[in-house]
Amino acid sequence: MSSGFILVWTEKEKNYHTGSEKLTDHYEYYATKKNANTAYKRLLDIDDVYSASICNVVESTDYEEQTQ
């Protein structure tokens, strides 16, 4: 039985003054795959999202009791 899902994504921010780009990582916990997948699909429509993944929590001290 899974302990939940983590949606992980990276956003790309461009500094228009210097021309440089910065990548920022984010993550959010979901108790069900359906909820994680819904949020994942929303991320795909955002231009600044560089990458996105849904990961299954196999074992963790952080996510055992959380529900969503």
Protein backbone atom coordinates (compact mmCIF):
# COMPACT_ATOMS: atom_id res chain seq x y z
CA MET A 1 0.00 0.00 0.00
CA SER A 2 1.35 3.43 -0.89
CA SER A 3 1.87 6.16 1.64
CA GLY A 4 0.96 8.93 -0.77
CA PHE A 5 2.41 10.85 -3.67
CA ILE A 6 4.71 13.81 -4.03
CA LEU A 7 4.39 16.17 -6.96
CA VAL A 8 7.78 17.69 -7.75
CA TRP A 9 8.34 20.48 -10.22
CA THR A 10 10.98 22.98 -11.28
CA GLU A 11 10.21 26.50 -12.39
CA LYS A 12 12.50 28.50 -14.62
CA GLU A 13 12.77 32.21 -13.86
CA LYS A 14 14.51 34.51 -16.27
CA ASN A 15 16.18 37.69 -15.05
CA TYR A 16 15.49 40.09 -17.88
CA HIS A 17 18.13 42.56 -16.67
CA THR A 18 21.03 40.09 -16.74
CA GLY A 19 19.66 37.48 -19.15
CA SER A 20 20.40 34.70 -16.66
CA GLU A 21 17.99 31.95 -15.66
CA LYS A 22 17.33 30.51 -12.22
CA LEU A 23 15.72 27.11 -11.57
CA THR A 24 13.65 26.71 -8.40
CA ASP A 25 12.42 23.33 -7.12
CA HIS A 26 9.04 22.82 -5.44
CA TYR A 27 7.17 19.85 -4.00
CA GLU A 28 3.75 19.08 -2.57
CA TYR A 29 2.30 15.98 -0.91
CA TYR A 30 -0.94 14.32 -2.07
CA ALA A 31 -2.69 11.40 -0.39
CA THR A 32 -4.19 10.12 -3.66
CA LYS A 33 -2.81 9.60 -7.14
CA LYS A 34 -5.92 11.25 -8.60
CA ASN A 35 -5.26 14.53 -6.74
CA ALA A 36 -1.56 14.46 -7.62
CA ASN A 37 -2.38 13.82 -11.27
CA THR A 38 -4.90 16.71 -11.37
CA ALA A 39 -2.29 19.12 -9.99
CA TYR A 40 0.34 17.69 -12.37
CA LYS A 41 -1.85 18.38 -15.39
CA ARG A 42 -2.35 21.98 -14.24
CA LEU A 43 1.42 22.44 -14.03
CA LEU A 44 1.83 21.33 -17.64
CA ASP A 45 -0.07 24.44 -18.78
CA ILE A 46 2.33 26.85 -17.04
CA ASP A 47 5.04 28.18 -19.34
CA ASP A 48 7.60 28.67 -16.55
CA VAL A 49 7.46 25.01 -15.45
CA TYR A 50 10.69 23.38 -16.64
CA SER A 51 9.93 19.85 -15.42
CA ALA A 52 7.33 18.00 -13.33
CA SER A 53 7.08 14.51 -11.87
CA ILE A 54 4.81 12.49 -9.61
CA CYS A 55 6.70 10.31 -7.16
CA ASN A 56 5.30 7.61 -4.92
CA VAL A 57 6.17 7.76 -1.22
CA VAL A 58 7.47 4.30 -0.46
CA GLU A 59 8.65 4.93 3.06
CA SER A 60 9.04 8.16 5.02
CA THR A 61 8.95 9.64 8.48
CA ASP A 62 7.43 12.82 7.02
CA TYR A 63 4.32 11.63 5.14
CA GLU A 64 2.91 8.64 7.04
CA GLU A 65 -0.09 10.31 8.67
CA GLN A 66 -0.91 13.14 6.25
CA THR A 67 -4.16 13.11 4.36
CA GLN A 68 -5.53 15.30 1.61
